[in-house]
Amino acid sequence: MNFLDNDSAESYASDMEVELKPETEAKLDRLASETGRSRSDFVEAALEGYLDELLQLRQTLDRRYDELITGRAKAIPSDEAFARLMARNAASASTGA
């Protein structure tokens, strides 16, 4: 299925086809119909947001790896990390945060 509308295709160097599950396509069609925005606008926005998040995560992981390698950060055992996480979640739950 081609998600670039005829009027939008001129602004792109090439078209791209994306295979969607029928239920995902139905949601996309409903949103486009209800908002008056094109399906390609929604696909572009969703993909851009996902890629931005993925790039940010990759930068964070690279930075943390560098900190571990250079000794600026110290690795902790997974059971200790899990215990800290559970304690933080319990504290948040008790304060209603």
Protein backbone atom coordinates (compact mmCIF):
# COMPACT_ATOMS: atom_id res chain seq x y z
CA MET A 1 0.00 0.00 0.00
CA ASN A 2 1.38 3.38 -0.96
CA PHE A 3 0.93 5.92 1.84
CA LEU A 4 2.16 8.94 -0.03
CA ASP A 5 -0.76 10.89 -1.43
CA ASN A 6 -0.48 12.16 -4.97
CA ASP A 7 0.00 15.75 -3.81
CA SER A 8 2.63 14.73 -1.25
CA ALA A 9 4.60 12.47 -3.59
CA GLU A 10 6.09 15.42 -5.46
CA SER A 11 7.89 16.61 -2.32
CA TYR A 12 9.64 13.27 -1.78
CA ALA A 13 12.47 11.77 -3.78
CA SER A 14 10.83 8.36 -3.80
CA ASP A 15 7.69 6.58 -2.65
CA MET A 16 7.67 3.91 0.02
CA GLU A 17 5.23 1.10 0.53
CA VAL A 18 4.38 -0.18 3.99
CA GLU A 19 2.54 -3.41 4.77
CA LEU A 20 0.05 -2.98 7.61
CA LYS A 21 -2.26 -5.34 9.45
CA PRO A 22 -5.88 -4.74 8.46
CA GLU A 23 -6.75 -3.45 11.94
CA THR A 24 -3.85 -0.98 11.87
CA GLU A 25 -4.89 0.21 8.43
CA ALA A 26 -8.47 0.66 9.65
CA LYS A 27 -7.26 2.81 12.57
CA LEU A 28 -5.16 4.88 10.20
CA ASP A 29 -8.09 5.34 7.84
CA ARG A 30 -10.38 6.34 10.70
CA LEU A 31 -7.90 8.92 12.01
CA ALA A 32 -7.37 10.37 8.56
CA SER A 33 -11.11 10.58 7.96
CA GLU A 34 -11.88 12.13 11.35
CA THR A 35 -9.09 14.70 11.26
CA GLY A 36 -8.84 15.55 7.59
CA ARG A 37 -5.11 14.80 7.68
CA SER A 38 -3.61 12.43 5.14
CA ARG A 39 -2.62 8.89 6.02
CA SER A 40 0.94 9.73 4.99
CA ASP A 41 1.00 12.55 7.60
CA PHE A 42 0.22 10.06 10.35
CA VAL A 43 2.71 7.47 9.09
CA GLU A 44 5.42 10.14 8.79
CA ALA A 45 4.75 11.52 12.28
CA ALA A 46 4.68 8.07 13.88
CA LEU A 47 7.87 6.97 12.17
CA GLU A 48 9.66 10.22 12.95
CA GLY A 49 8.71 9.97 16.63
CA TYR A 50 9.82 6.35 16.82
CA LEU A 51 13.14 7.05 15.12
CA ASP A 52 13.81 10.08 17.35
CA GLU A 53 13.18 7.94 20.43
CA LEU A 54 15.37 5.14 19.07
CA LEU A 55 18.23 7.56 18.31
CA GLN A 56 17.98 9.10 21.78
CA LEU A 57 18.08 5.65 23.37
CA ARG A 58 21.09 4.69 21.25
CA GLN A 59 22.94 7.86 22.30
CA THR A 60 22.16 7.15 25.96
CA LEU A 61 23.39 3.57 25.68
CA ASP A 62 26.58 4.66 23.89
CA ARG A 63 27.24 7.31 26.55
CA ARG A 64 26.65 4.85 29.42
CA TYR A 65 28.90 2.27 27.75
CA ASP A 66 31.67 4.85 27.43
CA GLU A 67 31.22 5.76 31.10
CA LEU A 68 31.55 2.10 32.10
CA ILE A 69 34.63 1.54 29.93
CA THR A 70 36.40 4.67 31.22
CA GLY A 71 35.49 3.96 34.84
CA ARG A 72 33.31 7.05 35.29
CA ALA A 73 30.41 4.74 36.13
CA LYS A 74 30.39 1.50 38.07
CA ALA A 75 28.39 -1.55 37.04
CA ILE A 76 26.17 -3.12 39.67
CA PRO A 77 24.86 -6.69 39.78
CA SER A 78 21.44 -7.20 38.22
CA ASP A 79 19.86 -8.36 41.49
CA GLU A 80 21.00 -5.13 43.18
CA ALA A 81 19.67 -3.04 40.29
CA PHE A 82 16.34 -4.86 40.49
CA ALA A 83 16.15 -4.35 44.27
CA ARG A 84 16.80 -0.62 43.83
CA LEU A 85 14.11 -0.41 41.17
CA MET A 86 11.58 -2.23 43.34
CA ALA A 87 12.39 0.03 46.31
CA ARG A 88 11.95 3.13 44.15
CA ASN A 89 8.62 1.83 42.85
CA ALA A 90 7.43 1.04 46.38
CA ALA A 91 8.41 4.52 47.55
CA SER A 92 6.56 6.11 44.63
CA ALA A 93 3.48 3.99 45.32
CA SER A 94 3.42 4.94 49.00
CA THR A 95 3.66 8.66 48.27
CA GLY A 96 1.04 8.49 45.53
CA ALA A 97 3.47 9.77 42.89
